[in-house]
Amino acid sequence: MSLEYQATYTVLSLRQVNYMAYCFAQIATLVCSRVGQQVSPRNGHAQIMNIREIKLFQHLSETLHFGRTSRACNITPSALTRTVQRLEAEVGEQLFIRDNRSVSLTPAGELYKKYAEETTARWQDLQNKLAGDNLLGGEISLYCSVTAAYSILPSILGIFRKEHPSVHINLQTGDAAQALTKLINGEVDVTIAALPKKQPKGLSCLKIIETPLVFIAPKSFPETVIMKSHEIDWTRTPIIMAEQGLSRDRIDRWFSDKNIQPTIYAQVAGNEAILAMVSLGCGVGVVPQLVIEKSPMQHQIRMLDVTPQLTPFSIGICTAKKNMAHPKIQAFWSIVKQETAG
């Protein structure tokens, strides 16, 4: 065999090898997209990134809080840290700057955030296409108070489940005052929340009900309300306050307008907690009337006739405007509109 022929044979063999490597990379991309993974080329090699890890990064890039993301995504903080470390190793760049006080994205992290958003959007689109034109899949996460979970959501979710049984519903309940914060932080897709006068930027909200915000006192402990000259002595009557949120803002403003410094017995999270403490005679509280009407403790408390009345609560369903690009959110939104219109 001549040297010239050997050289030609060698070149052809390398081309064949490179073509085979390309074919394998294309196959890996297709397979990984089917199983929820993303191929990320680096230094000529294929690095496989799990779609869940990308979603964890995306969530953390919104909250910038390892504790919040670990709780919302049901993962331990140490496992979340290992996930970030694996992503950083695969990308070859540091994605987060983390110290004892704060977490922030690096310039590489900002770029990877855009990549993560595009990847999860494409993955969701692929799931929907694979499932068929009329069958939605994936997951929709919702957050609301316990009261909203059994007074507002049942009719909406009942229709949604019948029309889209392949969509997994992840429902979280807790303090209603945290609803909009969780939505803005990207922890959930949809929330039921008290609507402020000025709608936060980047959110879409549908008003579904209005309910009065009322003062309540215990029936079994009349001495809890201290009277003075046939009026409530607000400086001596103990008050159960919400820790945060719209109701806290409005009661603070109410006392401020009357130039009263209230006696705060406790600050608690959630209207249900306020109801419980009021029924035990710990103090007077403020809650939406809807909460009282749906509570098993409604017969243990009474509403106080107080003037001026507090501004009523407008309660609505909210999502981020960017979420409206997802077919599952569009489907959920359409059902909400139908139910509220009826």
C-alpha atoms as a PDB file:
ATOM      1  CA  MET A   1       0.000   0.000   0.000  1.00  0.00           C
ATOM      2  CA  SER A   2       1.458   3.391  -1.019  1.00  0.00           C
ATOM      3  CA  LEU A   3       1.877   6.276   1.407  1.00  0.00           C
ATOM      4  CA  GLU A   4      -0.541   8.365  -0.695  1.00  0.00           C
ATOM      5  CA  TYR A   5      -3.228   5.661  -0.519  1.00  0.00           C
ATOM      6  CA  GLN A   6      -2.645   5.253   3.216  1.00  0.00           C
ATOM      7  CA  ALA A   7      -3.111   8.995   3.768  1.00  0.00           C
ATOM      8  CA  THR A   8      -6.334   9.014   1.738  1.00  0.00           C
ATOM      9  CA  TYR A   9      -7.652   6.005   3.645  1.00  0.00           C
ATOM     10  CA  THR A  10      -6.856   7.680   6.960  1.00  0.00           C
ATOM     11  CA  VAL A  11      -8.677  10.891   6.019  1.00  0.00           C
ATOM     12  CA  LEU A  12     -11.755   8.965   4.926  1.00  0.00           C
ATOM     13  CA  SER A  13     -11.775   7.015   8.184  1.00  0.00           C
ATOM     14  CA  LEU A  14     -11.672  10.199  10.283  1.00  0.00           C
ATOM     15  CA  ARG A  15     -14.524  11.673   8.301  1.00  0.00           C
ATOM     16  CA  GLN A  16     -16.530   8.530   8.846  1.00  0.00           C
ATOM     17  CA  VAL A  17     -15.834   8.642  12.577  1.00  0.00           C
ATOM     18  CA  ASN A  18     -16.841  12.302  12.794  1.00  0.00           C
ATOM     19  CA  TYR A  19     -20.030  11.599  10.845  1.00  0.00           C
ATOM     20  CA  MET A  20     -20.889   8.718  13.142  1.00  0.00           C
ATOM     21  CA  ALA A  21     -20.274  10.939  16.177  1.00  0.00           C
ATOM     22  CA  TYR A  22     -22.591  13.561  14.695  1.00  0.00           C
ATOM     23  CA  CYS A  23     -25.287  10.947  14.111  1.00  0.00           C
ATOM     24  CA  PHE A  24     -24.993   9.689  17.669  1.00  0.00           C
ATOM     25  CA  ALA A  25     -25.252  13.274  18.988  1.00  0.00           C
ATOM     26  CA  GLN A  26     -28.442  13.822  16.960  1.00  0.00           C
ATOM     27  CA  ILE A  27     -29.929  10.586  18.270  1.00  0.00           C
ATOM     28  CA  ALA A  28     -28.986  11.534  21.839  1.00  0.00           C
ATOM     29  CA  THR A  29     -30.678  14.906  21.420  1.00  0.00           C
ATOM     30  CA  LEU A  30     -33.891  13.266  20.213  1.00  0.00           C
ATOM     31  CA  VAL A  31     -33.896  10.629  22.952  1.00  0.00           C
ATOM     32  CA  CYS A  32     -33.104  13.136  25.693  1.00  0.00           C
ATOM     33  CA  SER A  33     -35.903  15.431  24.550  1.00  0.00           C
ATOM     34  CA  ARG A  34     -38.269  12.485  24.840  1.00  0.00           C
ATOM     35  CA  VAL A  35     -37.224  11.644  28.407  1.00  0.00           C
ATOM     36  CA  GLY A  36     -36.991  15.197  29.647  1.00  0.00           C
ATOM     37  CA  GLN A  37     -33.276  15.911  29.271  1.00  0.00           C
ATOM     38  CA  GLN A  38     -31.306  18.550  27.437  1.00  0.00           C
ATOM     39  CA  VAL A  39     -28.016  17.980  25.596  1.00  0.00           C
ATOM     40  CA  SER A  40     -25.549  20.783  26.202  1.00  0.00           C
ATOM     41  CA  PRO A  41     -22.392  20.653  24.049  1.00  0.00           C
ATOM     42  CA  ARG A  42     -19.226  21.733  25.813  1.00  0.00           C
ATOM     43  CA  ASN A  43     -15.647  21.301  24.596  1.00  0.00           C
ATOM     44  CA  GLY A  44     -16.848  18.958  21.861  1.00  0.00           C
ATOM     45  CA  HIS A  45     -18.648  16.597  24.283  1.00  0.00           C
ATOM     46  CA  ALA A  46     -22.342  16.062  24.994  1.00  0.00           C
ATOM     47  CA  GLN A  47     -23.336  16.963  28.544  1.00  0.00           C
ATOM     48  CA  ILE A  48     -26.797  15.687  29.519  1.00  0.00           C
ATOM     49  CA  MET A  49     -28.817  18.035  31.708  1.00  0.00           C
ATOM     50  CA  ASN A  50     -31.983  16.769  33.369  1.00  0.00           C
ATOM     51  CA  ILE A  51     -35.029  18.946  32.767  1.00  0.00           C
ATOM     52  CA  ARG A  52     -35.818  18.850  36.505  1.00  0.00           C
ATOM     53  CA  GLU A  53     -32.400  20.318  37.281  1.00  0.00           C
ATOM     54  CA  ILE A  54     -33.021  23.082  34.770  1.00  0.00           C
ATOM     55  CA  LYS A  55     -36.400  23.801  36.393  1.00  0.00           C
ATOM     56  CA  LEU A  56     -34.755  23.903  39.830  1.00  0.00           C
ATOM     57  CA  PHE A  57     -32.232  26.426  38.519  1.00  0.00           C
ATOM     58  CA  GLN A  58     -35.031  28.470  36.962  1.00  0.00           C
ATOM     59  CA  HIS A  59     -36.946  28.538  40.257  1.00  0.00           C
ATOM     60  CA  LEU A  60     -33.841  29.482  42.238  1.00  0.00           C
ATOM     61  CA  SER A  61     -32.973  32.215  39.739  1.00  0.00           C
ATOM     62  CA  GLU A  62     -36.373  33.793  40.515  1.00  0.00           C
ATOM     63  CA  THR A  63     -36.387  33.453  44.308  1.00  0.00           C
ATOM     64  CA  LEU A  64     -32.619  33.851  44.873  1.00  0.00           C
ATOM     65  CA  HIS A  65     -33.262  31.959  48.093  1.00  0.00           C
ATOM     66  CA  PHE A  66     -32.125  28.351  48.594  1.00  0.00           C
ATOM     67  CA  GLY A  67     -34.554  27.787  51.469  1.00  0.00           C
ATOM     68  CA  ARG A  68     -37.625  28.958  49.571  1.00  0.00           C
ATOM     69  CA  THR A  69     -36.772  26.973  46.461  1.00  0.00           C
ATOM     70  CA  SER A  70     -36.001  23.801  48.411  1.00  0.00           C
ATOM     71  CA  ARG A  71     -39.343  24.020  50.242  1.00  0.00           C
ATOM     72  CA  ALA A  72     -41.364  24.846  47.127  1.00  0.00           C
ATOM     73  CA  CYS A  73     -39.718  22.102  45.034  1.00  0.00           C
ATOM     74  CA  ASN A  74     -39.638  19.442  47.770  1.00  0.00           C
ATOM     75  CA  ILE A  75     -35.867  19.061  47.773  1.00  0.00           C
ATOM     76  CA  THR A  76     -33.381  19.410  50.618  1.00  0.00           C
ATOM     77  CA  PRO A  77     -31.094  22.484  50.601  1.00  0.00           C
ATOM     78  CA  SER A  78     -28.029  20.230  50.350  1.00  0.00           C
ATOM     79  CA  ALA A  79     -29.489  18.409  47.318  1.00  0.00           C
ATOM     80  CA  LEU A  80     -30.316  21.761  45.729  1.00  0.00           C
ATOM     81  CA  THR A  81     -26.742  22.913  46.306  1.00  0.00           C
ATOM     82  CA  ARG A  82     -25.405  19.736  44.657  1.00  0.00           C
ATOM     83  CA  THR A  83     -27.717  20.313  41.690  1.00  0.00           C
ATOM     84  CA  VAL A  84     -26.366  23.837  41.218  1.00  0.00           C
ATOM     85  CA  GLN A  85     -22.808  22.537  41.492  1.00  0.00           C
ATOM     86  CA  ARG A  86     -23.490  19.920  38.795  1.00  0.00           C
ATOM     87  CA  LEU A  87     -24.937  22.545  36.466  1.00  0.00           C
ATOM     88  CA  GLU A  88     -21.970  24.836  37.061  1.00  0.00           C
ATOM     89  CA  ALA A  89     -19.593  21.942  36.299  1.00  0.00           C
ATOM     90  CA  GLU A  90     -21.440  21.160  33.074  1.00  0.00           C
ATOM     91  CA  VAL A  91     -21.563  24.806  31.975  1.00  0.00           C
ATOM     92  CA  GLY A  92     -18.030  25.469  33.136  1.00  0.00           C
ATOM     93  CA  GLU A  93     -18.994  28.770  34.751  1.00  0.00           C
ATOM     94  CA  GLN A  94     -20.183  29.937  38.179  1.00  0.00           C
ATOM     95  CA  LEU A  95     -23.909  30.659  37.988  1.00  0.00           C
ATOM     96  CA  PHE A  96     -24.588  32.076  41.467  1.00  0.00           C
ATOM     97  CA  ILE A  97     -22.742  34.290  43.918  1.00  0.00           C
ATOM     98  CA  ARG A  98     -23.698  33.058  47.377  1.00  0.00           C
ATOM     99  CA  ASP A  99     -22.713  34.363  50.802  1.00  0.00           C
ATOM    100  CA  ASN A 100     -24.254  34.240  54.268  1.00  0.00           C
ATOM    101  CA  ARG A 101     -26.671  37.080  53.515  1.00  0.00           C
ATOM    102  CA  SER A 102     -27.666  36.934  49.864  1.00  0.00           C
ATOM    103  CA  VAL A 103     -27.725  35.014  46.597  1.00  0.00           C
ATOM    104  CA  SER A 104     -27.308  36.660  43.194  1.00  0.00           C
ATOM    105  CA  LEU A 105     -26.803  35.602  39.590  1.00  0.00           C
ATOM    106  CA  THR A 106     -23.458  35.974  37.864  1.00  0.00           C
ATOM    107  CA  PRO A 107     -23.353  37.255  34.266  1.00  0.00           C
ATOM    108  CA  ALA A 108     -23.153  33.596  33.185  1.00  0.00           C
ATOM    109  CA  GLY A 109     -26.112  32.875  35.439  1.00  0.00           C
ATOM    110  CA  GLU A 110     -28.167  35.582  33.728  1.00  0.00           C
ATOM    111  CA  LEU A 111     -27.444  34.006  30.341  1.00  0.00           C
ATOM    112  CA  TYR A 112     -28.235  30.540  31.650  1.00  0.00           C
ATOM    113  CA  LYS A 113     -31.518  31.832  33.079  1.00  0.00           C
ATOM    114  CA  LYS A 114     -32.655  32.792  29.573  1.00  0.00           C
ATOM    115  CA  TYR A 115     -31.536  29.391  28.318  1.00  0.00           C
ATOM    116  CA  ALA A 116     -33.496  27.686  31.140  1.00  0.00           C
ATOM    117  CA  GLU A 117     -36.660  29.656  30.341  1.00  0.00           C
ATOM    118  CA  GLU A 118     -36.414  28.762  26.657  1.00  0.00           C
ATOM    119  CA  THR A 119     -35.671  25.118  27.433  1.00  0.00           C
ATOM    120  CA  THR A 120     -38.560  24.608  29.851  1.00  0.00           C
ATOM    121  CA  ALA A 121     -40.930  26.387  27.453  1.00  0.00           C
ATOM    122  CA  ARG A 122     -39.803  24.149  24.565  1.00  0.00           C
ATOM    123  CA  TRP A 123     -40.052  21.067  26.773  1.00  0.00           C
ATOM    124  CA  GLN A 124     -43.622  21.948  27.746  1.00  0.00           C
ATOM    125  CA  ASP A 125     -44.481  22.616  24.111  1.00  0.00           C
ATOM    126  CA  LEU A 126     -43.006  19.230  23.158  1.00  0.00           C
ATOM    127  CA  GLN A 127     -45.026  17.461  25.851  1.00  0.00           C
ATOM    128  CA  ASN A 128     -48.207  19.046  24.563  1.00  0.00           C
ATOM    129  CA  LYS A 129     -47.426  18.086  20.959  1.00  0.00           C
ATOM    130  CA  LEU A 130     -46.528  14.520  21.889  1.00  0.00           C
ATOM    131  CA  ALA A 131     -49.724  14.217  23.911  1.00  0.00           C
ATOM    132  CA  GLY A 132     -51.833  15.294  20.937  1.00  0.00           C
ATOM    133  CA  ASP A 133     -53.583  18.454  19.870  1.00  0.00           C
ATOM    134  CA  ASN A 134     -56.527  18.055  22.257  1.00  0.00           C
ATOM    135  CA  LEU A 135     -54.769  16.521  25.273  1.00  0.00           C
ATOM    136  CA  LEU A 136     -52.746  18.764  27.556  1.00  0.00           C
ATOM    137  CA  GLY A 137     -50.082  17.361  29.878  1.00  0.00           C
ATOM    138  CA  GLY A 138     -47.517  18.535  32.388  1.00  0.00           C
ATOM    139  CA  GLU A 139     -48.180  20.173  35.743  1.00  0.00           C
ATOM    140  CA  ILE A 140     -49.942  23.281  36.993  1.00  0.00           C
ATOM    141  CA  SER A 141     -49.091  24.562  40.477  1.00  0.00           C
ATOM    142  CA  LEU A 142     -51.575  26.597  42.540  1.00  0.00           C
ATOM    143  CA  TYR A 143     -51.319  28.406  45.871  1.00  0.00           C
ATOM    144  CA  CYS A 144     -54.164  29.710  48.017  1.00  0.00           C
ATOM    145  CA  SER A 145     -55.543  29.815  51.546  1.00  0.00           C
ATOM    146  CA  VAL A 146     -57.327  26.830  53.074  1.00  0.00           C
ATOM    147  CA  THR A 147     -60.608  28.732  52.805  1.00  0.00           C
ATOM    148  CA  ALA A 148     -60.121  29.392  49.089  1.00  0.00           C
ATOM    149  CA  ALA A 149     -59.189  25.741  48.534  1.00  0.00           C
ATOM    150  CA  TYR A 150     -62.623  24.519  49.585  1.00  0.00           C
ATOM    151  CA  SER A 151     -64.799  27.552  48.734  1.00  0.00           C
ATOM    152  CA  ILE A 152     -63.490  28.877  45.411  1.00  0.00           C
ATOM    153  CA  LEU A 153     -61.370  26.221  43.708  1.00  0.00           C
ATOM    154  CA  PRO A 154     -63.646  23.126  43.673  1.00  0.00           C
ATOM    155  CA  SER A 155     -65.934  24.235  40.837  1.00  0.00           C
ATOM    156  CA  ILE A 156     -62.998  25.487  38.738  1.00  0.00           C
ATOM    157  CA  LEU A 157     -60.776  22.470  39.305  1.00  0.00           C
ATOM    158  CA  GLY A 158     -63.696  20.104  38.801  1.00  0.00           C
ATOM    159  CA  ILE A 159     -64.212  21.364  35.247  1.00  0.00           C
ATOM    160  CA  PHE A 160     -60.475  21.562  34.563  1.00  0.00           C
ATOM    161  CA  ARG A 161     -59.911  17.960  35.665  1.00  0.00           C
ATOM    162  CA  LYS A 162     -62.707  16.686  33.440  1.00  0.00           C
ATOM    163  CA  GLU A 163     -61.442  18.564  30.400  1.00  0.00           C
ATOM    164  CA  HIS A 164     -57.712  18.013  30.974  1.00  0.00           C
ATOM    165  CA  PRO A 165     -57.205  14.836  33.058  1.00  0.00           C
ATOM    166  CA  SER A 166     -53.543  14.463  32.031  1.00  0.00           C
ATOM    167  CA  VAL A 167     -52.504  17.741  33.680  1.00  0.00           C
ATOM    168  CA  HIS A 168     -51.110  17.091  37.157  1.00  0.00           C
ATOM    169  CA  ILE A 169     -52.391  19.591  39.748  1.00  0.00           C
ATOM    170  CA  ASN A 170     -50.005  20.626  42.517  1.00  0.00           C
ATOM    171  CA  LEU A 171     -52.032  22.514  45.154  1.00  0.00           C
ATOM    172  CA  GLN A 172     -50.325  24.291  48.052  1.00  0.00           C
ATOM    173  CA  THR A 173     -52.204  26.034  50.865  1.00  0.00           C
ATOM    174  CA  GLY A 174     -50.994  28.589  53.364  1.00  0.00           C
ATOM    175  CA  ASP A 175     -51.159  32.227  54.392  1.00  0.00           C
ATOM    176  CA  ALA A 176     -53.119  34.180  51.774  1.00  0.00           C
ATOM    177  CA  ALA A 177     -50.839  37.177  52.375  1.00  0.00           C
ATOM    178  CA  GLN A 178     -47.982  35.284  50.682  1.00  0.00           C
ATOM    179  CA  ALA A 179     -49.913  34.460  47.521  1.00  0.00           C
ATOM    180  CA  LEU A 180     -48.731  37.297  45.274  1.00  0.00           C
ATOM    181  CA  THR A 181     -45.165  37.059  46.570  1.00  0.00           C
ATOM    182  CA  LYS A 182     -45.018  33.368  45.658  1.00  0.00           C
ATOM    183  CA  LEU A 183     -46.354  34.148  42.203  1.00  0.00           C
ATOM    184  CA  ILE A 184     -43.901  36.998  41.598  1.00  0.00           C
ATOM    185  CA  ASN A 185     -41.026  34.781  42.800  1.00  0.00           C
ATOM    186  CA  GLY A 186     -42.018  32.110  40.303  1.00  0.00           C
ATOM    187  CA  GLU A 187     -42.792  29.535  42.996  1.00  0.00           C
ATOM    188  CA  VAL A 188     -46.249  28.740  41.560  1.00  0.00           C
ATOM    189  CA  ASP A 189     -48.158  29.165  38.302  1.00  0.00           C
ATOM    190  CA  VAL A 190     -51.469  30.447  39.685  1.00  0.00           C
ATOM    191  CA  THR A 191     -52.646  31.956  42.976  1.00  0.00           C
ATOM    192  CA  ILE A 192     -55.856  33.091  44.605  1.00  0.00           C
ATOM    193  CA  ALA A 193     -55.150  36.396  46.336  1.00  0.00           C
ATOM    194  CA  ALA A 194     -56.620  39.601  47.717  1.00  0.00           C
ATOM    195  CA  LEU A 195     -56.191  42.140  44.938  1.00  0.00           C
ATOM    196  CA  PRO A 196     -54.459  45.436  45.775  1.00  0.00           C
ATOM    197  CA  LYS A 197     -55.735  48.675  44.237  1.00  0.00           C
ATOM    198  CA  LYS A 198     -52.718  48.794  41.950  1.00  0.00           C
ATOM    199  CA  GLN A 199     -52.094  45.539  40.133  1.00  0.00           C
ATOM    200  CA  PRO A 200     -48.434  44.423  40.305  1.00  0.00           C
ATOM    201  CA  LYS A 201     -46.523  44.653  37.031  1.00  0.00           C
ATOM    202  CA  GLY A 202     -46.226  41.482  35.025  1.00  0.00           C
ATOM    203  CA  LEU A 203     -49.352  39.866  36.490  1.00  0.00           C
ATOM    204  CA  SER A 204     -52.753  39.063  35.023  1.00  0.00           C
ATOM    205  CA  CYS A 205     -55.644  38.957  37.514  1.00  0.00           C
ATOM    206  CA  LEU A 206     -59.331  38.088  37.301  1.00  0.00           C
ATOM    207  CA  LYS A 207     -61.642  39.294  40.064  1.00  0.00           C
ATOM    208  CA  ILE A 208     -63.916  36.473  41.173  1.00  0.00           C
ATOM    209  CA  ILE A 209     -65.553  37.712  44.377  1.00  0.00           C
ATOM    210  CA  GLU A 210     -65.774  40.661  46.784  1.00  0.00           C
ATOM    211  CA  THR A 211     -66.163  40.175  50.523  1.00  0.00           C
ATOM    212  CA  PRO A 212     -66.326  42.627  53.469  1.00  0.00           C
ATOM    213  CA  LEU A 213     -63.357  42.891  55.821  1.00  0.00           C
ATOM    214  CA  VAL A 214     -64.805  42.716  59.336  1.00  0.00           C
ATOM    215  CA  PHE A 215     -63.828  42.931  63.001  1.00  0.00           C
ATOM    216  CA  ILE A 216     -64.629  39.783  65.011  1.00  0.00           C
ATOM    217  CA  ALA A 217     -64.785  38.942  68.734  1.00  0.00           C
ATOM    218  CA  PRO A 218     -65.362  35.706  70.697  1.00  0.00           C
ATOM    219  CA  LYS A 219     -68.883  34.741  71.799  1.00  0.00           C
ATOM    220  CA  SER A 220     -67.813  32.778  74.878  1.00  0.00           C
ATOM    221  CA  PHE A 221     -65.438  35.420  76.233  1.00  0.00           C
ATOM    222  CA  PRO A 222     -67.337  38.750  76.245  1.00  0.00           C
ATOM    223  CA  GLU A 223     -64.791  40.268  78.639  1.00  0.00           C
ATOM    224  CA  THR A 224     -62.258  40.224  75.785  1.00  0.00           C
ATOM    225  CA  VAL A 225     -63.821  43.399  74.364  1.00  0.00           C
ATOM    226  CA  ILE A 226     -63.195  46.212  76.839  1.00  0.00           C
ATOM    227  CA  MET A 227     -65.779  48.971  76.729  1.00  0.00           C
ATOM    228  CA  LYS A 228     -65.500  52.622  77.715  1.00  0.00           C
ATOM    229  CA  SER A 229     -68.512  54.965  77.600  1.00  0.00           C
ATOM    230  CA  HIS A 230     -70.458  52.447  75.467  1.00  0.00           C
ATOM    231  CA  GLU A 231     -67.652  52.282  72.919  1.00  0.00           C
ATOM    232  CA  ILE A 232     -64.798  49.820  72.443  1.00  0.00           C
ATOM    233  CA  ASP A 233     -61.618  50.910  74.173  1.00  0.00           C
ATOM    234  CA  TRP A 234     -59.191  50.033  71.418  1.00  0.00           C
ATOM    235  CA  THR A 235     -56.161  51.000  73.518  1.00  0.00           C
ATOM    236  CA  ARG A 236     -56.967  48.228  76.047  1.00  0.00           C
ATOM    237  CA  THR A 237     -58.773  45.594  73.968  1.00  0.00           C
ATOM    238  CA  PRO A 238     -56.219  43.000  72.766  1.00  0.00           C
ATOM    239  CA  ILE A 239     -55.886  42.691  69.000  1.00  0.00           C
ATOM    240  CA  ILE A 240     -54.894  39.629  66.951  1.00  0.00           C
ATOM    241  CA  MET A 241     -53.064  40.971  63.905  1.00  0.00           C
ATOM    242  CA  ALA A 242     -52.053  39.389  60.615  1.00  0.00           C
ATOM    243  CA  GLU A 243     -48.278  39.335  60.228  1.00  0.00           C
ATOM    244  CA  GLN A 244     -48.417  40.848  56.765  1.00  0.00           C
ATOM    245  CA  GLY A 245     -50.592  41.395  53.754  1.00  0.00           C
ATOM    246  CA  LEU A 246     -53.450  43.582  52.597  1.00  0.00           C
ATOM    247  CA  SER A 247     -55.619  43.086  55.707  1.00  0.00           C
ATOM    248  CA  ARG A 248     -52.696  44.149  57.918  1.00  0.00           C
ATOM    249  CA  ASP A 249     -52.171  47.252  55.806  1.00  0.00           C
ATOM    250  CA  ARG A 250     -55.828  48.213  56.049  1.00  0.00           C
ATOM    251  CA  ILE A 251     -56.193  47.688  59.790  1.00  0.00           C
ATOM    252  CA  ASP A 252     -52.952  49.605  60.414  1.00  0.00           C
ATOM    253  CA  ARG A 253     -54.355  52.476  58.347  1.00  0.00           C
ATOM    254  CA  TRP A 254     -57.696  52.278  60.200  1.00  0.00           C
ATOM    255  CA  PHE A 255     -56.029  52.670  63.586  1.00  0.00           C
ATOM    256  CA  SER A 256     -53.705  55.364  62.260  1.00  0.00           C
ATOM    257  CA  ASP A 257     -56.642  57.410  60.905  1.00  0.00           C
ATOM    258  CA  LYS A 258     -58.292  57.248  64.334  1.00  0.00           C
ATOM    259  CA  ASN A 259     -54.983  58.106  66.028  1.00  0.00           C
ATOM    260  CA  ILE A 260     -55.144  54.918  68.124  1.00  0.00           C
ATOM    261  CA  GLN A 261     -52.192  52.870  69.337  1.00  0.00           C
ATOM    262  CA  PRO A 262     -53.687  49.363  69.618  1.00  0.00           C
ATOM    263  CA  THR A 263     -52.661  46.683  72.101  1.00  0.00           C
ATOM    264  CA  ILE A 264     -51.388  43.844  69.942  1.00  0.00           C
ATOM    265  CA  TYR A 265     -51.795  40.469  71.623  1.00  0.00           C
ATOM    266  CA  ALA A 266     -50.295  38.409  68.773  1.00  0.00           C
ATOM    267  CA  GLN A 267     -49.270  38.579  65.113  1.00  0.00           C
ATOM    268  CA  VAL A 268     -50.121  35.400  63.232  1.00  0.00           C
ATOM    269  CA  ALA A 269     -50.003  33.999  59.702  1.00  0.00           C
ATOM    270  CA  GLY A 270     -53.334  33.222  58.053  1.00  0.00           C
ATOM    271  CA  ASN A 271     -56.956  34.171  58.586  1.00  0.00           C
ATOM    272  CA  GLU A 272     -57.740  30.714  59.943  1.00  0.00           C
ATOM    273  CA  ALA A 273     -55.199  31.269  62.725  1.00  0.00           C
ATOM    274  CA  ILE A 274     -56.808  34.628  63.574  1.00  0.00           C
ATOM    275  CA  LEU A 275     -60.222  32.951  63.801  1.00  0.00           C
ATOM    276  CA  ALA A 276     -58.874  30.255  66.109  1.00  0.00           C
ATOM    277  CA  MET A 277     -57.228  32.693  68.495  1.00  0.00           C
ATOM    278  CA  VAL A 278     -60.265  34.992  68.576  1.00  0.00           C
ATOM    279  CA  SER A 279     -62.597  32.054  69.332  1.00  0.00           C
ATOM    280  CA  LEU A 280     -60.365  31.195  72.316  1.00  0.00           C
ATOM    281  CA  GLY A 281     -60.810  34.683  73.744  1.00  0.00           C
ATOM    282  CA  CYS A 282     -57.282  35.882  73.067  1.00  0.00           C
ATOM    283  CA  GLY A 283     -58.418  39.091  71.414  1.00  0.00           C
ATOM    284  CA  VAL A 284     -60.313  40.820  68.615  1.00  0.00           C
ATOM    285  CA  GLY A 285     -59.315  40.256  64.999  1.00  0.00           C
ATOM    286  CA  VAL A 286     -59.996  41.280  61.408  1.00  0.00           C
ATOM    287  CA  VAL A 287     -60.770  38.755  58.663  1.00  0.00           C
ATOM    288  CA  PRO A 288     -62.689  38.611  55.366  1.00  0.00           C
ATOM    289  CA  GLN A 289     -66.336  37.692  55.926  1.00  0.00           C
ATOM    290  CA  LEU A 290     -65.956  34.829  53.432  1.00  0.00           C
ATOM    291  CA  VAL A 291     -63.542  33.140  55.847  1.00  0.00           C
ATOM    292  CA  ILE A 292     -66.134  33.285  58.636  1.00  0.00           C
ATOM    293  CA  GLU A 293     -68.927  31.911  56.430  1.00  0.00           C
ATOM    294  CA  LYS A 294     -66.825  28.895  55.421  1.00  0.00           C
ATOM    295  CA  SER A 295     -65.237  28.229  58.827  1.00  0.00           C
ATOM    296  CA  PRO A 296     -66.304  25.453  61.238  1.00  0.00           C
ATOM    297  CA  MET A 297     -65.722  28.029  64.014  1.00  0.00           C
ATOM    298  CA  GLN A 298     -68.261  30.533  62.690  1.00  0.00           C
ATOM    299  CA  HIS A 299     -70.634  29.863  65.618  1.00  0.00           C
ATOM    300  CA  GLN A 300     -67.907  30.671  68.133  1.00  0.00           C
ATOM    301  CA  ILE A 301     -67.326  34.254  67.030  1.00  0.00           C
ATOM    302  CA  ARG A 302     -69.415  37.357  66.382  1.00  0.00           C
ATOM    303  CA  MET A 303     -68.917  40.290  64.060  1.00  0.00           C
ATOM    304  CA  LEU A 304     -68.513  43.735  65.631  1.00  0.00           C
ATOM    305  CA  ASP A 305     -70.360  46.800  64.373  1.00  0.00           C
ATOM    306  CA  VAL A 306     -67.416  49.134  63.838  1.00  0.00           C
ATOM    307  CA  THR A 307     -67.285  52.474  62.045  1.00  0.00           C
ATOM    308  CA  PRO A 308     -65.903  53.441  59.707  1.00  0.00           C
ATOM    309  CA  GLN A 309     -66.017  50.080  57.955  1.00  0.00           C
ATOM    310  CA  LEU A 310     -62.866  48.658  56.451  1.00  0.00           C
ATOM    311  CA  THR A 311     -62.475  48.599  52.666  1.00  0.00           C
ATOM    312  CA  PRO A 312     -63.819  45.273  51.317  1.00  0.00           C
ATOM    313  CA  PHE A 313     -61.565  42.610  49.882  1.00  0.00           C
ATOM    314  CA  SER A 314     -61.559  41.925  46.146  1.00  0.00           C
ATOM    315  CA  ILE A 315     -60.373  38.349  45.675  1.00  0.00           C
ATOM    316  CA  GLY A 316     -59.052  37.152  42.353  1.00  0.00           C
ATOM    317  CA  ILE A 317     -57.111  34.485  40.510  1.00  0.00           C
ATOM    318  CA  CYS A 318     -53.680  35.639  39.332  1.00  0.00           C
ATOM    319  CA  THR A 319     -50.855  34.400  37.150  1.00  0.00           C
ATOM    320  CA  ALA A 320     -47.747  35.892  35.567  1.00  0.00           C
ATOM    321  CA  LYS A 321     -48.398  37.314  32.108  1.00  0.00           C
ATOM    322  CA  LYS A 322     -45.548  35.231  30.703  1.00  0.00           C
ATOM    323  CA  ASN A 323     -47.361  32.090  31.890  1.00  0.00           C
ATOM    324  CA  MET A 324     -50.209  32.826  29.493  1.00  0.00           C
ATOM    325  CA  ALA A 325     -48.051  31.447  26.667  1.00  0.00           C
ATOM    326  CA  HIS A 326     -48.551  27.934  28.087  1.00  0.00           C
ATOM    327  CA  PRO A 327     -51.627  26.078  26.763  1.00  0.00           C
ATOM    328  CA  LYS A 328     -52.396  24.588  30.197  1.00  0.00           C
ATOM    329  CA  ILE A 329     -52.577  28.081  31.742  1.00  0.00           C
ATOM    330  CA  GLN A 330     -54.687  29.323  28.838  1.00  0.00           C
ATOM    331  CA  ALA A 331     -57.075  26.406  29.397  1.00  0.00           C
ATOM    332  CA  PHE A 332     -57.275  27.089  33.134  1.00  0.00           C
ATOM    333  CA  TRP A 333     -57.821  30.808  32.512  1.00  0.00           C
ATOM    334  CA  SER A 334     -60.607  30.107  30.053  1.00  0.00           C
ATOM    335  CA  ILE A 335     -62.450  28.022  32.652  1.00  0.00           C
ATOM    336  CA  VAL A 336     -62.023  30.754  35.288  1.00  0.00           C
ATOM    337  CA  LYS A 337     -63.523  33.312  32.890  1.00  0.00           C
ATOM    338  CA  GLN A 338     -66.487  31.046  32.186  1.00  0.00           C
ATOM    339  CA  GLU A 339     -67.128  30.454  35.892  1.00  0.00           C
ATOM    340  CA  THR A 340     -66.818  34.124  36.881  1.00  0.00           C
ATOM    341  CA  ALA A 341     -69.011  35.209  33.969  1.00  0.00           C
ATOM    342  CA  GLY A 342     -71.692  32.790  35.104  1.00  0.00           C
END
